[in-house]
Amino acid sequence: MTRLHLRLQTAIHNGGGYAVLAALGFSFKAIFVKLAYAAGPVDAITLLAMRMGLALPLFAWLTWLSRGQSAAKLGLGDGLRVAGLGLLGYYLASLFDFYGLQYISAGLERLILFTYPTLVLVFQAIALRERPTLRTLTAMGLCYLGLGIAFVHDVSVAGVGEQVVLGSLWVVASAVSYALYYSGTGIMLKRMSSMRLAGLCGIASSLMVLAHYLLVADIGQLWQQPLAIWIHAGLMAVFSTVLPIYWVALAIQRLGPTHTAAVGNLGPVLTMLASWAILSEQISGYQLAGLALVLYGVTRLKPAKKQQASTQPKQAEA
């Protein structure tokens, strides 16, 4: 027992433990969403408002915690860029993802979202007017072949192809939105730390989500939600939103972005296992084959050298 405790302490001190905790936290987001949907009649925007409302003070804490990590003074233009990133990364990407999880399994959702690094490379190739390399195209082909195989599993289980297609399209939209957010972080990361940027973007997106909710719903409905939904929203806000961002920052300080991102590859595996153990979702040969292809494809992605530092897939989650 003492030896195991020492190993855990060593892993955390070296950063590996923080990276695993972050991957675990992010992977459980879809599980909490599915549990909340099963606990009562709650729609996507209401659940998202509960999550972001509970996360707002925690994002403020994250921003305060990172106050000494940036020497640059932020101006109006920086504020507008942060608001735009918050709109893409934590508002639209989260909203689309919550819509999608109403129709598809947590395992398929995680695989679709996990392809966002391929979209980042496509967007950057367009912006830089560069052709993707053969290696990049091959990796992307493997990722989407894996998605297609996993998609067959969900269609066969659900029995209603239209719902699976609709849910998948919503999550694809989420992945596109998050990839746009990621592509736009490069400039801002030159002016502030990743933790501070995540905290500020989280505050901006939380305010956007709450404003959206106030425009389309009665705030009094929030207090009528069952306690179980509030518990799942609270766990999502703490364990699957703010703490993983903090853990990623600690892991990057100790491991660097490349190794931290590599540990993030555990995400789809952890989600699939958790969805089987907690949600009783089936795991088939189709899913395992699709998972293997997506993981292999993502690990084969290699951005151009001049863009490698800014395009390394990092652990962050809508």
C-alpha atoms as a PDB file:
ATOM      1  CA  MET A   1       0.000   0.000   0.000  1.00  0.00           C
ATOM      2  CA  THR A   2       2.858   2.355   0.858  1.00  0.00           C
ATOM      3  CA  ARG A   3       4.619   1.531  -2.417  1.00  0.00           C
ATOM      4  CA  LEU A   4       1.419   2.259  -4.386  1.00  0.00           C
ATOM      5  CA  HIS A   5       0.986   5.549  -2.539  1.00  0.00           C
ATOM      6  CA  LEU A   6       4.562   6.548  -3.405  1.00  0.00           C
ATOM      7  CA  ARG A   7       3.994   5.699  -7.056  1.00  0.00           C
ATOM      8  CA  LEU A   8       0.862   7.856  -7.134  1.00  0.00           C
ATOM      9  CA  GLN A   9       2.725  10.746  -5.502  1.00  0.00           C
ATOM     10  CA  THR A  10       5.533  10.414  -8.057  1.00  0.00           C
ATOM     11  CA  ALA A  11       3.081  10.343 -10.984  1.00  0.00           C
ATOM     12  CA  ILE A  12       1.306  13.472  -9.763  1.00  0.00           C
ATOM     13  CA  HIS A  13       4.578  15.275  -9.083  1.00  0.00           C
ATOM     14  CA  ASN A  14       5.832  14.449 -12.596  1.00  0.00           C
ATOM     15  CA  GLY A  15       2.595  15.642 -14.200  1.00  0.00           C
ATOM     16  CA  GLY A  16       1.322  12.302 -15.471  1.00  0.00           C
ATOM     17  CA  GLY A  17      -1.235  12.048 -12.703  1.00  0.00           C
ATOM     18  CA  TYR A  18      -2.664  15.485 -13.513  1.00  0.00           C
ATOM     19  CA  ALA A  19      -2.894  14.593 -17.217  1.00  0.00           C
ATOM     20  CA  VAL A  20      -4.782  11.364 -16.420  1.00  0.00           C
ATOM     21  CA  LEU A  21      -7.126  13.202 -14.044  1.00  0.00           C
ATOM     22  CA  ALA A  22      -7.850  15.779 -16.753  1.00  0.00           C
ATOM     23  CA  ALA A  23      -8.582  13.069 -19.336  1.00  0.00           C
ATOM     24  CA  LEU A  24     -10.858  11.328 -16.819  1.00  0.00           C
ATOM     25  CA  GLY A  25     -12.722  14.538 -15.982  1.00  0.00           C
ATOM     26  CA  PHE A  26     -13.277  15.511 -19.602  1.00  0.00           C
ATOM     27  CA  SER A  27     -14.367  11.989 -20.549  1.00  0.00           C
ATOM     28  CA  PHE A  28     -17.079  12.005 -17.856  1.00  0.00           C
ATOM     29  CA  LYS A  29     -18.804  15.112 -19.243  1.00  0.00           C
ATOM     30  CA  ALA A  30     -20.915  13.075 -21.673  1.00  0.00           C
ATOM     31  CA  ILE A  31     -21.743  10.611 -18.873  1.00  0.00           C
ATOM     32  CA  PHE A  32     -23.085  13.377 -16.619  1.00  0.00           C
ATOM     33  CA  VAL A  33     -25.140  14.802 -19.506  1.00  0.00           C
ATOM     34  CA  LYS A  34     -26.723  11.415 -20.244  1.00  0.00           C
ATOM     35  CA  LEU A  35     -27.429  10.834 -16.536  1.00  0.00           C
ATOM     36  CA  ALA A  36     -29.085  14.262 -16.275  1.00  0.00           C
ATOM     37  CA  TYR A  37     -31.284  13.554 -19.302  1.00  0.00           C
ATOM     38  CA  ALA A  38     -32.313  10.256 -17.719  1.00  0.00           C
ATOM     39  CA  ALA A  39     -33.077  11.895 -14.341  1.00  0.00           C
ATOM     40  CA  GLY A  40     -35.869  14.121 -15.600  1.00  0.00           C
ATOM     41  CA  PRO A  41     -37.377  16.150 -18.450  1.00  0.00           C
ATOM     42  CA  VAL A  42     -34.605  18.701 -18.931  1.00  0.00           C
ATOM     43  CA  ASP A  43     -33.682  20.251 -22.293  1.00  0.00           C
ATOM     44  CA  ALA A  44     -30.217  21.076 -23.592  1.00  0.00           C
ATOM     45  CA  ILE A  45     -30.212  24.850 -22.961  1.00  0.00           C
ATOM     46  CA  THR A  46     -31.551  24.433 -19.412  1.00  0.00           C
ATOM     47  CA  LEU A  47     -28.925  21.825 -18.540  1.00  0.00           C
ATOM     48  CA  LEU A  48     -26.187  23.941 -20.126  1.00  0.00           C
ATOM     49  CA  ALA A  49     -27.354  27.000 -18.176  1.00  0.00           C
ATOM     50  CA  MET A  50     -27.179  25.003 -14.943  1.00  0.00           C
ATOM     51  CA  ARG A  51     -23.686  23.768 -15.782  1.00  0.00           C
ATOM     52  CA  MET A  52     -22.280  27.159 -16.776  1.00  0.00           C
ATOM     53  CA  GLY A  53     -24.052  29.012 -13.983  1.00  0.00           C
ATOM     54  CA  LEU A  54     -22.422  26.721 -11.431  1.00  0.00           C
ATOM     55  CA  ALA A  55     -19.083  26.934 -13.255  1.00  0.00           C
ATOM     56  CA  LEU A  56     -19.055  30.760 -13.474  1.00  0.00           C
ATOM     57  CA  PRO A  57     -17.620  31.418  -9.988  1.00  0.00           C
ATOM     58  CA  LEU A  58     -15.113  28.613 -10.564  1.00  0.00           C
ATOM     59  CA  PHE A  59     -13.974  30.200 -13.825  1.00  0.00           C
ATOM     60  CA  ALA A  60     -13.548  33.456 -11.884  1.00  0.00           C
ATOM     61  CA  TRP A  61     -11.423  31.537  -9.355  1.00  0.00           C
ATOM     62  CA  LEU A  62      -9.347  30.089 -12.216  1.00  0.00           C
ATOM     63  CA  THR A  63      -8.776  33.591 -13.608  1.00  0.00           C
ATOM     64  CA  TRP A  64      -7.765  34.907 -10.192  1.00  0.00           C
ATOM     65  CA  LEU A  65      -5.437  31.932  -9.701  1.00  0.00           C
ATOM     66  CA  SER A  66      -3.616  32.746 -12.957  1.00  0.00           C
ATOM     67  CA  ARG A  67      -3.373  36.502 -12.319  1.00  0.00           C
ATOM     68  CA  GLY A  68       0.424  36.426 -11.983  1.00  0.00           C
ATOM     69  CA  GLN A  69       1.054  34.416 -15.151  1.00  0.00           C
ATOM     70  CA  SER A  70       0.552  37.248 -17.648  1.00  0.00           C
ATOM     71  CA  ALA A  71       2.428  40.505 -17.784  1.00  0.00           C
ATOM     72  CA  ALA A  72       0.694  41.872 -20.908  1.00  0.00           C
ATOM     73  CA  LYS A  73      -2.002  44.464 -20.386  1.00  0.00           C
ATOM     74  CA  LEU A  74      -5.221  43.512 -22.146  1.00  0.00           C
ATOM     75  CA  GLY A  75      -7.074  46.048 -24.271  1.00  0.00           C
ATOM     76  CA  LEU A  76     -10.512  46.272 -25.891  1.00  0.00           C
ATOM     77  CA  GLY A  77      -9.398  44.206 -28.882  1.00  0.00           C
ATOM     78  CA  ASP A  78      -8.195  41.455 -26.563  1.00  0.00           C
ATOM     79  CA  GLY A  79     -11.529  41.487 -24.783  1.00  0.00           C
ATOM     80  CA  LEU A  80     -13.403  41.118 -28.064  1.00  0.00           C
ATOM     81  CA  ARG A  81     -11.159  38.215 -29.091  1.00  0.00           C
ATOM     82  CA  VAL A  82     -11.747  36.501 -25.745  1.00  0.00           C
ATOM     83  CA  ALA A  83     -15.501  36.966 -26.193  1.00  0.00           C
ATOM     84  CA  GLY A  84     -15.307  35.467 -29.690  1.00  0.00           C
ATOM     85  CA  LEU A  85     -13.332  32.493 -28.426  1.00  0.00           C
ATOM     86  CA  GLY A  86     -15.798  32.005 -25.574  1.00  0.00           C
ATOM     87  CA  LEU A  87     -18.644  32.086 -28.104  1.00  0.00           C
ATOM     88  CA  LEU A  88     -17.047  29.304 -30.161  1.00  0.00           C
ATOM     89  CA  GLY A  89     -15.348  27.160 -27.555  1.00  0.00           C
ATOM     90  CA  TYR A  90     -17.617  26.982 -24.519  1.00  0.00           C
ATOM     91  CA  TYR A  91     -20.973  28.312 -25.724  1.00  0.00           C
ATOM     92  CA  LEU A  92     -21.730  27.041 -29.244  1.00  0.00           C
ATOM     93  CA  ALA A  93     -19.567  23.915 -28.999  1.00  0.00           C
ATOM     94  CA  SER A  94     -21.183  22.957 -25.680  1.00  0.00           C
ATOM     95  CA  LEU A  95     -24.716  23.748 -26.857  1.00  0.00           C
ATOM     96  CA  PHE A  96     -24.343  21.695 -30.049  1.00  0.00           C
ATOM     97  CA  ASP A  97     -22.798  18.847 -28.057  1.00  0.00           C
ATOM     98  CA  PHE A  98     -25.676  18.807 -25.551  1.00  0.00           C
ATOM     99  CA  TYR A  99     -28.172  18.694 -28.430  1.00  0.00           C
ATOM    100  CA  GLY A 100     -26.313  15.764 -29.978  1.00  0.00           C
ATOM    101  CA  LEU A 101     -26.201  13.756 -26.761  1.00  0.00           C
ATOM    102  CA  GLN A 102     -30.002  13.650 -26.786  1.00  0.00           C
ATOM    103  CA  TYR A 103     -29.801  11.248 -29.739  1.00  0.00           C
ATOM    104  CA  ILE A 104     -26.498   9.323 -29.755  1.00  0.00           C
ATOM    105  CA  SER A 105     -24.426   7.292 -27.323  1.00  0.00           C
ATOM    106  CA  ALA A 106     -21.707   8.837 -25.192  1.00  0.00           C
ATOM    107  CA  GLY A 107     -19.121   6.618 -26.881  1.00  0.00           C
ATOM    108  CA  LEU A 108     -19.939   7.831 -30.408  1.00  0.00           C
ATOM    109  CA  GLU A 109     -20.084  11.447 -29.196  1.00  0.00           C
ATOM    110  CA  ARG A 110     -16.577  11.189 -27.779  1.00  0.00           C
ATOM    111  CA  LEU A 111     -15.194   9.692 -30.991  1.00  0.00           C
ATOM    112  CA  ILE A 112     -16.722  12.460 -33.132  1.00  0.00           C
ATOM    113  CA  LEU A 113     -15.403  15.222 -30.863  1.00  0.00           C
ATOM    114  CA  PHE A 114     -11.994  13.581 -30.752  1.00  0.00           C
ATOM    115  CA  THR A 115     -11.484  14.266 -34.469  1.00  0.00           C
ATOM    116  CA  TYR A 116     -11.225  18.033 -33.903  1.00  0.00           C
ATOM    117  CA  PRO A 117      -7.410  18.011 -34.423  1.00  0.00           C
ATOM    118  CA  THR A 118      -8.026  16.954 -38.041  1.00  0.00           C
ATOM    119  CA  LEU A 119     -10.333  19.946 -38.491  1.00  0.00           C
ATOM    120  CA  VAL A 120      -7.740  22.264 -36.946  1.00  0.00           C
ATOM    121  CA  LEU A 121      -5.180  21.144 -39.518  1.00  0.00           C
ATOM    122  CA  VAL A 122      -7.682  21.640 -42.351  1.00  0.00           C
ATOM    123  CA  PHE A 123      -8.510  25.174 -41.191  1.00  0.00           C
ATOM    124  CA  GLN A 124      -4.840  26.055 -40.845  1.00  0.00           C
ATOM    125  CA  ALA A 125      -4.016  24.603 -44.241  1.00  0.00           C
ATOM    126  CA  ILE A 126      -6.740  26.807 -45.745  1.00  0.00           C
ATOM    127  CA  ALA A 127      -5.541  29.889 -43.848  1.00  0.00           C
ATOM    128  CA  LEU A 128      -1.900  29.297 -44.858  1.00  0.00           C
ATOM    129  CA  ARG A 129      -2.848  28.152 -48.366  1.00  0.00           C
ATOM    130  CA  GLU A 130      -0.908  24.937 -47.903  1.00  0.00           C
ATOM    131  CA  ARG A 131      -1.764  21.477 -49.120  1.00  0.00           C
ATOM    132  CA  PRO A 132      -2.148  18.842 -46.416  1.00  0.00           C
ATOM    133  CA  THR A 133       0.624  16.247 -46.484  1.00  0.00           C
ATOM    134  CA  LEU A 134      -0.045  12.653 -47.487  1.00  0.00           C
ATOM    135  CA  ARG A 135       0.518  11.634 -43.860  1.00  0.00           C
ATOM    136  CA  THR A 136      -2.114  14.110 -42.683  1.00  0.00           C
ATOM    137  CA  LEU A 137      -4.622  12.958 -45.308  1.00  0.00           C
ATOM    138  CA  THR A 138      -3.988   9.306 -44.394  1.00  0.00           C
ATOM    139  CA  ALA A 139      -4.466  10.051 -40.677  1.00  0.00           C
ATOM    140  CA  MET A 140      -7.697  11.926 -41.393  1.00  0.00           C
ATOM    141  CA  GLY A 141      -8.934   9.049 -43.544  1.00  0.00           C
ATOM    142  CA  LEU A 142      -8.295   6.593 -40.704  1.00  0.00           C
ATOM    143  CA  CYS A 143     -10.143   8.830 -38.223  1.00  0.00           C
ATOM    144  CA  TYR A 144     -13.241   9.130 -40.377  1.00  0.00           C
ATOM    145  CA  LEU A 145     -13.200   5.455 -41.344  1.00  0.00           C
ATOM    146  CA  GLY A 146     -13.194   4.680 -37.619  1.00  0.00           C
ATOM    147  CA  LEU A 147     -16.115   7.050 -37.098  1.00  0.00           C
ATOM    148  CA  GLY A 148     -18.041   5.353 -39.873  1.00  0.00           C
ATOM    149  CA  ILE A 149     -17.531   1.946 -38.281  1.00  0.00           C
ATOM    150  CA  ALA A 150     -18.639   3.223 -34.847  1.00  0.00           C
ATOM    151  CA  PHE A 151     -21.590   4.965 -36.508  1.00  0.00           C
ATOM    152  CA  VAL A 152     -22.812   1.592 -37.825  1.00  0.00           C
ATOM    153  CA  HIS A 153     -22.944   0.348 -34.215  1.00  0.00           C
ATOM    154  CA  ASP A 154     -25.160   3.230 -33.047  1.00  0.00           C
ATOM    155  CA  VAL A 155     -27.526   2.853 -35.995  1.00  0.00           C
ATOM    156  CA  SER A 156     -27.889  -0.894 -35.368  1.00  0.00           C
ATOM    157  CA  VAL A 157     -28.528  -0.384 -31.629  1.00  0.00           C
ATOM    158  CA  ALA A 158     -30.829   2.648 -31.858  1.00  0.00           C
ATOM    159  CA  GLY A 159     -32.841   1.280 -34.742  1.00  0.00           C
ATOM    160  CA  VAL A 160     -33.784   4.847 -35.776  1.00  0.00           C
ATOM    161  CA  GLY A 161     -31.245   6.042 -38.301  1.00  0.00           C
ATOM    162  CA  GLU A 162     -32.630   9.581 -38.513  1.00  0.00           C
ATOM    163  CA  GLN A 163     -32.046  10.280 -34.822  1.00  0.00           C
ATOM    164  CA  VAL A 164     -28.484   8.959 -34.924  1.00  0.00           C
ATOM    165  CA  VAL A 165     -27.747  11.043 -38.020  1.00  0.00           C
ATOM    166  CA  LEU A 166     -29.235  14.154 -36.406  1.00  0.00           C
ATOM    167  CA  GLY A 167     -27.313  13.650 -33.171  1.00  0.00           C
ATOM    168  CA  SER A 168     -24.084  12.986 -35.052  1.00  0.00           C
ATOM    169  CA  LEU A 169     -24.519  16.165 -37.115  1.00  0.00           C
ATOM    170  CA  TRP A 170     -24.983  18.211 -33.942  1.00  0.00           C
ATOM    171  CA  VAL A 171     -21.759  16.791 -32.481  1.00  0.00           C
ATOM    172  CA  VAL A 172     -19.930  17.371 -35.776  1.00  0.00           C
ATOM    173  CA  ALA A 173     -21.041  21.009 -35.522  1.00  0.00           C
ATOM    174  CA  SER A 174     -19.662  21.030 -31.979  1.00  0.00           C
ATOM    175  CA  ALA A 175     -16.316  19.657 -33.191  1.00  0.00           C
ATOM    176  CA  VAL A 176     -16.161  22.301 -35.949  1.00  0.00           C
ATOM    177  CA  SER A 177     -16.942  25.077 -33.476  1.00  0.00           C
ATOM    178  CA  TYR A 178     -14.313  23.833 -31.045  1.00  0.00           C
ATOM    179  CA  ALA A 179     -11.734  23.484 -33.831  1.00  0.00           C
ATOM    180  CA  LEU A 180     -12.374  27.125 -34.801  1.00  0.00           C
ATOM    181  CA  TYR A 181     -11.916  28.093 -31.138  1.00  0.00           C
ATOM    182  CA  TYR A 182      -8.667  26.152 -30.962  1.00  0.00           C
ATOM    183  CA  SER A 183      -7.391  27.687 -34.201  1.00  0.00           C
ATOM    184  CA  GLY A 184      -8.012  31.149 -32.786  1.00  0.00           C
ATOM    185  CA  THR A 185      -6.220  30.641 -29.478  1.00  0.00           C
ATOM    186  CA  GLY A 186      -2.701  30.996 -30.919  1.00  0.00           C
ATOM    187  CA  ILE A 187      -2.658  34.796 -30.898  1.00  0.00           C
ATOM    188  CA  MET A 188      -4.107  35.091 -27.402  1.00  0.00           C
ATOM    189  CA  LEU A 189      -1.747  32.473 -25.943  1.00  0.00           C
ATOM    190  CA  LYS A 190       1.117  34.791 -26.855  1.00  0.00           C
ATOM    191  CA  ARG A 191      -0.381  37.376 -24.519  1.00  0.00           C
ATOM    192  CA  MET A 192      -1.552  35.227 -21.596  1.00  0.00           C
ATOM    193  CA  SER A 193      -1.282  31.739 -20.112  1.00  0.00           C
ATOM    194  CA  SER A 194      -3.587  28.928 -21.198  1.00  0.00           C
ATOM    195  CA  MET A 195      -5.157  28.835 -17.722  1.00  0.00           C
ATOM    196  CA  ARG A 196      -5.950  32.549 -17.770  1.00  0.00           C
ATOM    197  CA  LEU A 197      -7.354  32.333 -21.303  1.00  0.00           C
ATOM    198  CA  ALA A 198      -9.537  29.365 -20.351  1.00  0.00           C
ATOM    199  CA  GLY A 199     -10.807  31.222 -17.278  1.00  0.00           C
ATOM    200  CA  LEU A 200     -11.664  34.394 -19.216  1.00  0.00           C
ATOM    201  CA  CYS A 201     -13.281  32.458 -22.080  1.00  0.00           C
ATOM    202  CA  GLY A 202     -15.239  30.448 -19.529  1.00  0.00           C
ATOM    203  CA  ILE A 203     -16.555  33.613 -17.864  1.00  0.00           C
ATOM    204  CA  ALA A 204     -17.551  35.079 -21.244  1.00  0.00           C
ATOM    205  CA  SER A 205     -19.301  31.909 -22.394  1.00  0.00           C
ATOM    206  CA  SER A 206     -21.074  31.455 -19.040  1.00  0.00           C
ATOM    207  CA  LEU A 207     -22.574  34.932 -19.369  1.00  0.00           C
ATOM    208  CA  MET A 208     -23.604  34.162 -22.967  1.00  0.00           C
ATOM    209  CA  VAL A 209     -25.283  30.902 -21.979  1.00  0.00           C
ATOM    210  CA  LEU A 210     -27.163  32.554 -19.118  1.00  0.00           C
ATOM    211  CA  ALA A 211     -28.259  35.425 -21.389  1.00  0.00           C
ATOM    212  CA  HIS A 212     -29.475  32.868 -23.961  1.00  0.00           C
ATOM    213  CA  TYR A 213     -31.431  31.052 -21.290  1.00  0.00           C
ATOM    214  CA  LEU A 214     -33.065  34.240 -20.004  1.00  0.00           C
ATOM    215  CA  LEU A 215     -34.205  35.072 -23.555  1.00  0.00           C
ATOM    216  CA  VAL A 216     -35.867  31.708 -24.238  1.00  0.00           C
ATOM    217  CA  ALA A 217     -36.980  30.401 -20.849  1.00  0.00           C
ATOM    218  CA  ASP A 218     -38.277  31.363 -17.435  1.00  0.00           C
ATOM    219  CA  ILE A 219     -35.515  31.359 -14.829  1.00  0.00           C
ATOM    220  CA  GLY A 220     -38.044  30.071 -12.315  1.00  0.00           C
ATOM    221  CA  GLN A 221     -37.956  26.715 -14.111  1.00  0.00           C
ATOM    222  CA  LEU A 222     -34.418  26.182 -12.900  1.00  0.00           C
ATOM    223  CA  TRP A 223     -35.526  25.829  -9.303  1.00  0.00           C
ATOM    224  CA  GLN A 224     -38.136  23.272 -10.334  1.00  0.00           C
ATOM    225  CA  GLN A 225     -35.535  20.864 -11.691  1.00  0.00           C
ATOM    226  CA  PRO A 226     -35.084  17.637  -9.682  1.00  0.00           C
ATOM    227  CA  LEU A 227     -32.197  17.483  -7.236  1.00  0.00           C
ATOM    228  CA  ALA A 228     -30.576  14.687  -9.265  1.00  0.00           C
ATOM    229  CA  ILE A 229     -30.234  16.982 -12.298  1.00  0.00           C
ATOM    230  CA  TRP A 230     -28.646  19.697 -10.142  1.00  0.00           C
ATOM    231  CA  ILE A 231     -26.188  17.133  -8.761  1.00  0.00           C
ATOM    232  CA  HIS A 232     -25.192  15.983 -12.247  1.00  0.00           C
ATOM    233  CA  ALA A 233     -24.864  19.596 -13.440  1.00  0.00           C
ATOM    234  CA  GLY A 234     -22.714  20.423 -10.400  1.00  0.00           C
ATOM    235  CA  LEU A 235     -20.449  17.413 -10.968  1.00  0.00           C
ATOM    236  CA  MET A 236     -20.169  18.408 -14.611  1.00  0.00           C
ATOM    237  CA  ALA A 237     -19.256  22.001 -13.708  1.00  0.00           C
ATOM    238  CA  VAL A 238     -16.592  21.009 -11.170  1.00  0.00           C
ATOM    239  CA  PHE A 239     -15.191  17.650 -12.258  1.00  0.00           C
ATOM    240  CA  SER A 240     -15.685  17.895 -16.043  1.00  0.00           C
ATOM    241  CA  THR A 241     -15.261  21.617 -16.716  1.00  0.00           C
ATOM    242  CA  VAL A 242     -13.091  23.703 -14.401  1.00  0.00           C
ATOM    243  CA  LEU A 243     -10.869  21.201 -12.566  1.00  0.00           C
ATOM    244  CA  PRO A 244      -9.692  19.454 -15.769  1.00  0.00           C
ATOM    245  CA  ILE A 245      -8.593  22.818 -17.197  1.00  0.00           C
ATOM    246  CA  TYR A 246      -6.617  23.436 -14.008  1.00  0.00           C
ATOM    247  CA  TRP A 247      -5.140  19.922 -14.111  1.00  0.00           C
ATOM    248  CA  VAL A 248      -4.132  20.363 -17.761  1.00  0.00           C
ATOM    249  CA  ALA A 249      -2.266  23.553 -16.900  1.00  0.00           C
ATOM    250  CA  LEU A 250      -0.396  21.743 -14.113  1.00  0.00           C
ATOM    251  CA  ALA A 251       0.369  18.804 -16.422  1.00  0.00           C
ATOM    252  CA  ILE A 252       1.681  21.073 -19.190  1.00  0.00           C
ATOM    253  CA  GLN A 253       3.977  22.802 -16.686  1.00  0.00           C
ATOM    254  CA  ARG A 254       5.512  19.423 -15.789  1.00  0.00           C
ATOM    255  CA  LEU A 255       5.185  17.352 -18.995  1.00  0.00           C
ATOM    256  CA  GLY A 256       4.907  19.889 -21.786  1.00  0.00           C
ATOM    257  CA  PRO A 257       2.013  20.142 -24.272  1.00  0.00           C
ATOM    258  CA  THR A 258       3.017  17.166 -26.437  1.00  0.00           C
ATOM    259  CA  HIS A 259       3.059  14.540 -23.667  1.00  0.00           C
ATOM    260  CA  THR A 260      -0.027  16.040 -22.039  1.00  0.00           C
ATOM    261  CA  ALA A 261      -1.906  15.784 -25.340  1.00  0.00           C
ATOM    262  CA  ALA A 262      -0.732  12.191 -25.734  1.00  0.00           C
ATOM    263  CA  VAL A 263      -2.279  11.261 -22.373  1.00  0.00           C
ATOM    264  CA  GLY A 264      -5.468  12.954 -23.604  1.00  0.00           C
ATOM    265  CA  ASN A 265      -5.801  10.090 -26.096  1.00  0.00           C
ATOM    266  CA  LEU A 266      -7.193   8.102 -23.161  1.00  0.00           C
ATOM    267  CA  GLY A 267     -10.386  10.202 -23.369  1.00  0.00           C
ATOM    268  CA  PRO A 268     -12.439   8.102 -25.820  1.00  0.00           C
ATOM    269  CA  VAL A 269     -11.349   4.876 -24.096  1.00  0.00           C
ATOM    270  CA  LEU A 270     -12.389   6.169 -20.684  1.00  0.00           C
ATOM    271  CA  THR A 271     -15.719   7.458 -22.023  1.00  0.00           C
ATOM    272  CA  MET A 272     -16.513   4.144 -23.676  1.00  0.00           C
ATOM    273  CA  LEU A 273     -15.689   2.184 -20.509  1.00  0.00           C
ATOM    274  CA  ALA A 274     -17.662   4.600 -18.320  1.00  0.00           C
ATOM    275  CA  SER A 275     -20.676   4.516 -20.663  1.00  0.00           C
ATOM    276  CA  TRP A 276     -20.609   0.701 -20.473  1.00  0.00           C
ATOM    277  CA  ALA A 277     -20.199   0.565 -16.676  1.00  0.00           C
ATOM    278  CA  ILE A 278     -22.532   3.446 -15.703  1.00  0.00           C
ATOM    279  CA  LEU A 279     -24.993   3.881 -18.584  1.00  0.00           C
ATOM    280  CA  SER A 280     -25.111   0.191 -19.607  1.00  0.00           C
ATOM    281  CA  GLU A 281     -24.319   1.163 -23.194  1.00  0.00           C
ATOM    282  CA  GLN A 282     -23.202  -1.800 -25.282  1.00  0.00           C
ATOM    283  CA  ILE A 283     -19.622  -2.127 -26.488  1.00  0.00           C
ATOM    284  CA  SER A 284     -19.424  -3.985 -29.783  1.00  0.00           C
ATOM    285  CA  GLY A 285     -16.672  -5.028 -32.120  1.00  0.00           C
ATOM    286  CA  TYR A 286     -17.687  -2.122 -34.376  1.00  0.00           C
ATOM    287  CA  GLN A 287     -17.037   0.368 -31.581  1.00  0.00           C
ATOM    288  CA  LEU A 288     -13.709  -1.157 -30.607  1.00  0.00           C
ATOM    289  CA  ALA A 289     -12.522  -1.218 -34.223  1.00  0.00           C
ATOM    290  CA  GLY A 290     -13.681   2.367 -34.748  1.00  0.00           C
ATOM    291  CA  LEU A 291     -12.011   3.466 -31.524  1.00  0.00           C
ATOM    292  CA  ALA A 292      -8.708   1.866 -32.539  1.00  0.00           C
ATOM    293  CA  LEU A 293      -8.733   3.562 -35.952  1.00  0.00           C
ATOM    294  CA  VAL A 294      -9.612   7.001 -34.527  1.00  0.00           C
ATOM    295  CA  LEU A 295      -6.923   6.783 -31.853  1.00  0.00           C
ATOM    296  CA  TYR A 296      -4.315   5.641 -34.358  1.00  0.00           C
ATOM    297  CA  GLY A 297      -5.314   8.326 -36.835  1.00  0.00           C
ATOM    298  CA  VAL A 298      -5.066  11.134 -34.265  1.00  0.00           C
ATOM    299  CA  THR A 299      -1.657   9.951 -33.070  1.00  0.00           C
ATOM    300  CA  ARG A 300      -0.444  10.000 -36.701  1.00  0.00           C
ATOM    301  CA  LEU A 301      -1.361  13.667 -37.189  1.00  0.00           C
ATOM    302  CA  LYS A 302       1.674  15.863 -37.637  1.00  0.00           C
ATOM    303  CA  PRO A 303       1.346  19.600 -38.261  1.00  0.00           C
ATOM    304  CA  ALA A 304       3.886  21.570 -40.250  1.00  0.00           C
ATOM    305  CA  LYS A 305       7.007  22.460 -38.265  1.00  0.00           C
ATOM    306  CA  LYS A 306       6.370  26.181 -38.302  1.00  0.00           C
ATOM    307  CA  GLN A 307       2.896  25.601 -36.889  1.00  0.00           C
ATOM    308  CA  GLN A 308       3.642  22.618 -34.665  1.00  0.00           C
ATOM    309  CA  ALA A 309       3.792  24.529 -31.399  1.00  0.00           C
ATOM    310  CA  SER A 310       0.401  26.135 -31.914  1.00  0.00           C
ATOM    311  CA  THR A 311      -1.401  23.116 -33.399  1.00  0.00           C
ATOM    312  CA  GLN A 312      -0.517  20.447 -30.881  1.00  0.00           C
ATOM    313  CA  PRO A 313      -3.827  18.921 -29.784  1.00  0.00           C
ATOM    314  CA  LYS A 314      -4.308  19.969 -26.193  1.00  0.00           C
ATOM    315  CA  GLN A 315      -6.736  18.642 -23.644  1.00  0.00           C
ATOM    316  CA  ALA A 316      -9.587  21.039 -23.515  1.00  0.00           C
ATOM    317  CA  GLU A 317     -13.257  20.359 -23.660  1.00  0.00           C
ATOM    318  CA  ALA A 318     -16.391  22.128 -24.574  1.00  0.00           C
END
